[in-house]
Amino acid sequence: MTPETRAYKTCHNDVTVRHYKSQIYQYTNEIEKIDDSLLKGYKTRKNCTTITYERTSKDKPVNSIKKICTDVVIPINDYVYEFEKSRRAELVIQLKDLQDREQLNFDKCFDKCFDKIQPMNAEQAFHYYDS
């Protein structure tokens, strides 16, 4: 593996670099959830109930706990629809700002990492990657 390839692969797994990617993913994921619920016209929520019951096992009472969950469908009314559209628009603006800002930070961080890793041998790069 060339030093450039090794540095590229190592730096894409750097904690700071992954942090920048993660923030963008979170915004993108939230926008996709809103798009999905607006398209379907409803949201689903989990409604869970915990049941504790006693049973006998080999003539000995045993307490057991069971969690039962069901999906509850919640229709989206006009107010919620407008609210979600507004929230989506805000998230899109925030995502664009974040992408612009984070791309600069990502590039700086990646370049710094790349310059640090490229002269390392494979063992040193692995220790950096592994830590």
C-alpha atoms as a PDB file:
ATOM      1  CA  MET A   1       0.000   0.000   0.000  1.00  0.00           C
ATOM      2  CA  THR A   2       1.387   3.399  -0.903  1.00  0.00           C
ATOM      3  CA  PRO A   3       1.944   5.978   1.851  1.00  0.00           C
ATOM      4  CA  GLU A   4      -0.757   8.167   0.269  1.00  0.00           C
ATOM      5  CA  THR A   5      -3.329   5.348   0.267  1.00  0.00           C
ATOM      6  CA  ARG A   6      -2.442   4.411   3.837  1.00  0.00           C
ATOM      7  CA  ALA A   7      -2.779   8.034   4.989  1.00  0.00           C
ATOM      8  CA  TYR A   8      -6.087   8.431   3.128  1.00  0.00           C
ATOM      9  CA  LYS A   9      -7.605   5.303   4.703  1.00  0.00           C
ATOM     10  CA  THR A  10      -6.257   6.101   8.164  1.00  0.00           C
ATOM     11  CA  CYS A  11      -7.465   9.695   8.143  1.00  0.00           C
ATOM     12  CA  HIS A  12     -10.977   8.769   7.022  1.00  0.00           C
ATOM     13  CA  ASN A  13     -11.216   6.825  10.282  1.00  0.00           C
ATOM     14  CA  ASP A  14      -9.824   9.630  12.435  1.00  0.00           C
ATOM     15  CA  VAL A  15     -12.169  10.504  15.320  1.00  0.00           C
ATOM     16  CA  THR A  16     -12.417  14.182  14.410  1.00  0.00           C
ATOM     17  CA  VAL A  17     -13.032  13.436  10.737  1.00  0.00           C
ATOM     18  CA  ARG A  18     -15.745  10.905  11.665  1.00  0.00           C
ATOM     19  CA  HIS A  19     -17.320  13.521  13.970  1.00  0.00           C
ATOM     20  CA  TYR A  20     -17.790  15.925  11.054  1.00  0.00           C
ATOM     21  CA  LYS A  21     -19.292  13.195   8.885  1.00  0.00           C
ATOM     22  CA  SER A  22     -21.604  12.150  11.737  1.00  0.00           C
ATOM     23  CA  GLN A  23     -23.076  15.623  12.225  1.00  0.00           C
ATOM     24  CA  ILE A  24     -23.982  15.896   8.553  1.00  0.00           C
ATOM     25  CA  TYR A  25     -25.471  12.393   8.626  1.00  0.00           C
ATOM     26  CA  GLN A  26     -27.682  13.324  11.612  1.00  0.00           C
ATOM     27  CA  TYR A  27     -29.194  16.330   9.816  1.00  0.00           C
ATOM     28  CA  THR A  28     -29.651  14.351   6.598  1.00  0.00           C
ATOM     29  CA  ASN A  29     -31.313  11.512   8.498  1.00  0.00           C
ATOM     30  CA  GLU A  30     -33.726  13.888  10.265  1.00  0.00           C
ATOM     31  CA  ILE A  31     -34.696  15.502   6.945  1.00  0.00           C
ATOM     32  CA  GLU A  32     -35.332  12.059   5.436  1.00  0.00           C
ATOM     33  CA  LYS A  33     -37.562  11.113   8.400  1.00  0.00           C
ATOM     34  CA  ILE A  34     -39.627  14.266   7.904  1.00  0.00           C
ATOM     35  CA  ASP A  35     -39.888  13.616   4.156  1.00  0.00           C
ATOM     36  CA  ASP A  36     -41.013  10.067   4.836  1.00  0.00           C
ATOM     37  CA  SER A  37     -43.721  11.053   7.341  1.00  0.00           C
ATOM     38  CA  LEU A  38     -44.996  13.885   5.122  1.00  0.00           C
ATOM     39  CA  LEU A  39     -45.176  11.540   2.157  1.00  0.00           C
ATOM     40  CA  LYS A  40     -47.026   8.841   4.133  1.00  0.00           C
ATOM     41  CA  GLY A  41     -49.284  11.321   5.920  1.00  0.00           C
ATOM     42  CA  TYR A  42     -48.692   9.747   9.319  1.00  0.00           C
ATOM     43  CA  LYS A  43     -46.051   9.023  11.919  1.00  0.00           C
ATOM     44  CA  THR A  44     -45.592   5.939  14.045  1.00  0.00           C
ATOM     45  CA  ARG A  45     -44.596   5.849  17.668  1.00  0.00           C
ATOM     46  CA  LYS A  46     -43.791   2.864  19.834  1.00  0.00           C
ATOM     47  CA  ASN A  47     -46.132   2.333  22.769  1.00  0.00           C
ATOM     48  CA  CYS A  48     -44.552  -0.085  25.232  1.00  0.00           C
ATOM     49  CA  THR A  49     -45.944  -1.757  28.309  1.00  0.00           C
ATOM     50  CA  THR A  50     -43.919  -3.700  30.839  1.00  0.00           C
ATOM     51  CA  ILE A  51     -45.619  -6.675  32.427  1.00  0.00           C
ATOM     52  CA  THR A  52     -44.275  -8.316  35.554  1.00  0.00           C
ATOM     53  CA  TYR A  53     -45.586 -11.726  36.349  1.00  0.00           C
ATOM     54  CA  GLU A  54     -44.722 -14.582  38.611  1.00  0.00           C
ATOM     55  CA  ARG A  55     -44.339 -18.092  37.371  1.00  0.00           C
ATOM     56  CA  THR A  56     -43.165 -21.311  38.935  1.00  0.00           C
ATOM     57  CA  SER A  57     -40.022 -23.013  37.792  1.00  0.00           C
ATOM     58  CA  LYS A  58     -39.124 -26.313  39.445  1.00  0.00           C
ATOM     59  CA  ASP A  59     -41.411 -25.574  42.415  1.00  0.00           C
ATOM     60  CA  LYS A  60     -39.768 -22.216  42.930  1.00  0.00           C
ATOM     61  CA  PRO A  61     -41.485 -18.856  42.198  1.00  0.00           C
ATOM     62  CA  VAL A  62     -39.723 -16.744  39.599  1.00  0.00           C
ATOM     63  CA  ASN A  63     -40.512 -13.139  38.723  1.00  0.00           C
ATOM     64  CA  SER A  64     -40.413 -12.444  35.004  1.00  0.00           C
ATOM     65  CA  ILE A  65     -40.602  -9.186  33.165  1.00  0.00           C
ATOM     66  CA  LYS A  66     -41.877  -8.922  29.638  1.00  0.00           C
ATOM     67  CA  LYS A  67     -41.925  -5.785  27.498  1.00  0.00           C
ATOM     68  CA  ILE A  68     -44.650  -5.609  24.878  1.00  0.00           C
ATOM     69  CA  CYS A  69     -44.491  -2.861  22.247  1.00  0.00           C
ATOM     70  CA  THR A  70     -46.906  -1.893  19.520  1.00  0.00           C
ATOM     71  CA  ASP A  71     -46.648   0.747  16.824  1.00  0.00           C
ATOM     72  CA  VAL A  72     -49.225   3.495  17.175  1.00  0.00           C
ATOM     73  CA  VAL A  73     -50.164   5.317  13.963  1.00  0.00           C
ATOM     74  CA  ILE A  74     -50.567   9.066  14.386  1.00  0.00           C
ATOM     75  CA  PRO A  75     -52.184  10.869  11.431  1.00  0.00           C
ATOM     76  CA  ILE A  76     -50.597  14.161  10.446  1.00  0.00           C
ATOM     77  CA  ASN A  77     -53.117  17.007  10.576  1.00  0.00           C
ATOM     78  CA  ASP A  78     -52.715  20.348   8.765  1.00  0.00           C
ATOM     79  CA  TYR A  79     -51.017  22.016  11.730  1.00  0.00           C
ATOM     80  CA  VAL A  80     -48.458  19.226  12.113  1.00  0.00           C
ATOM     81  CA  TYR A  81     -47.929  19.115   8.336  1.00  0.00           C
ATOM     82  CA  GLU A  82     -47.107  22.835   8.206  1.00  0.00           C
ATOM     83  CA  PHE A  83     -44.936  22.563  11.329  1.00  0.00           C
ATOM     84  CA  GLU A  84     -42.951  19.659   9.842  1.00  0.00           C
ATOM     85  CA  LYS A  85     -42.545  21.480   6.514  1.00  0.00           C
ATOM     86  CA  SER A  86     -41.255  24.526   8.372  1.00  0.00           C
ATOM     87  CA  ARG A  87     -38.933  22.389  10.496  1.00  0.00           C
ATOM     88  CA  ARG A  88     -37.662  20.648   7.378  1.00  0.00           C
ATOM     89  CA  ALA A  89     -36.916  23.984   5.692  1.00  0.00           C
ATOM     90  CA  GLU A  90     -34.960  25.100   8.772  1.00  0.00           C
ATOM     91  CA  LEU A  91     -33.042  21.827   8.854  1.00  0.00           C
ATOM     92  CA  VAL A  92     -32.151  22.149   5.157  1.00  0.00           C
ATOM     93  CA  ILE A  93     -30.733  25.647   5.784  1.00  0.00           C
ATOM     94  CA  GLN A  94     -28.859  24.419   8.869  1.00  0.00           C
ATOM     95  CA  LEU A  95     -27.540  21.405   6.944  1.00  0.00           C
ATOM     96  CA  LYS A  96     -26.258  23.629   4.118  1.00  0.00           C
ATOM     97  CA  ASP A  97     -24.532  25.930   6.622  1.00  0.00           C
ATOM     98  CA  LEU A  98     -23.128  22.926   8.457  1.00  0.00           C
ATOM     99  CA  GLN A  99     -21.898  21.341   5.220  1.00  0.00           C
ATOM    100  CA  ASP A 100     -20.123  24.535   4.194  1.00  0.00           C
ATOM    101  CA  ARG A 101     -18.600  25.090   7.638  1.00  0.00           C
ATOM    102  CA  GLU A 102     -17.810  21.441   8.272  1.00  0.00           C
ATOM    103  CA  GLN A 103     -16.273  20.959   4.832  1.00  0.00           C
ATOM    104  CA  LEU A 104     -13.695  23.601   5.712  1.00  0.00           C
ATOM    105  CA  ASN A 105     -13.075  21.987   9.105  1.00  0.00           C
ATOM    106  CA  PHE A 106     -13.063  18.525   7.561  1.00  0.00           C
ATOM    107  CA  ASP A 107     -10.555  19.584   4.908  1.00  0.00           C
ATOM    108  CA  LYS A 108      -8.266  21.202   7.493  1.00  0.00           C
ATOM    109  CA  CYS A 109      -8.511  18.213   9.812  1.00  0.00           C
ATOM    110  CA  PHE A 110      -8.045  15.703   7.004  1.00  0.00           C
ATOM    111  CA  ASP A 111      -5.092  17.614   5.550  1.00  0.00           C
ATOM    112  CA  LYS A 112      -3.474  17.847   8.982  1.00  0.00           C
ATOM    113  CA  CYS A 113      -3.985  14.122   9.548  1.00  0.00           C
ATOM    114  CA  PHE A 114      -2.801  13.276   6.025  1.00  0.00           C
ATOM    115  CA  ASP A 115       0.398  15.310   6.484  1.00  0.00           C
ATOM    116  CA  LYS A 116       1.001  13.567   9.810  1.00  0.00           C
ATOM    117  CA  ILE A 117       0.303  10.008   8.590  1.00  0.00           C
ATOM    118  CA  GLN A 118       1.871  10.051   5.127  1.00  0.00           C
ATOM    119  CA  PRO A 119       5.501   9.919   6.329  1.00  0.00           C
ATOM    120  CA  MET A 120       4.714   7.111   8.816  1.00  0.00           C
ATOM    121  CA  ASN A 121       5.485   3.496   8.093  1.00  0.00           C
ATOM    122  CA  ALA A 122       2.663   0.924   8.096  1.00  0.00           C
ATOM    123  CA  GLU A 123       3.134  -0.036  11.749  1.00  0.00           C
ATOM    124  CA  GLN A 124       3.057   3.558  12.978  1.00  0.00           C
ATOM    125  CA  ALA A 125      -0.016   4.342  10.868  1.00  0.00           C
ATOM    126  CA  PHE A 126      -1.761   1.253  12.234  1.00  0.00           C
ATOM    127  CA  HIS A 127      -1.067   2.342  15.828  1.00  0.00           C
ATOM    128  CA  TYR A 128      -2.486   5.774  15.030  1.00  0.00           C
ATOM    129  CA  TYR A 129      -5.530   4.182  13.395  1.00  0.00           C
ATOM    130  CA  ASP A 130      -5.992   1.702  16.226  1.00  0.00           C
ATOM    131  CA  SER A 131      -5.811   4.308  19.026  1.00  0.00           C
END
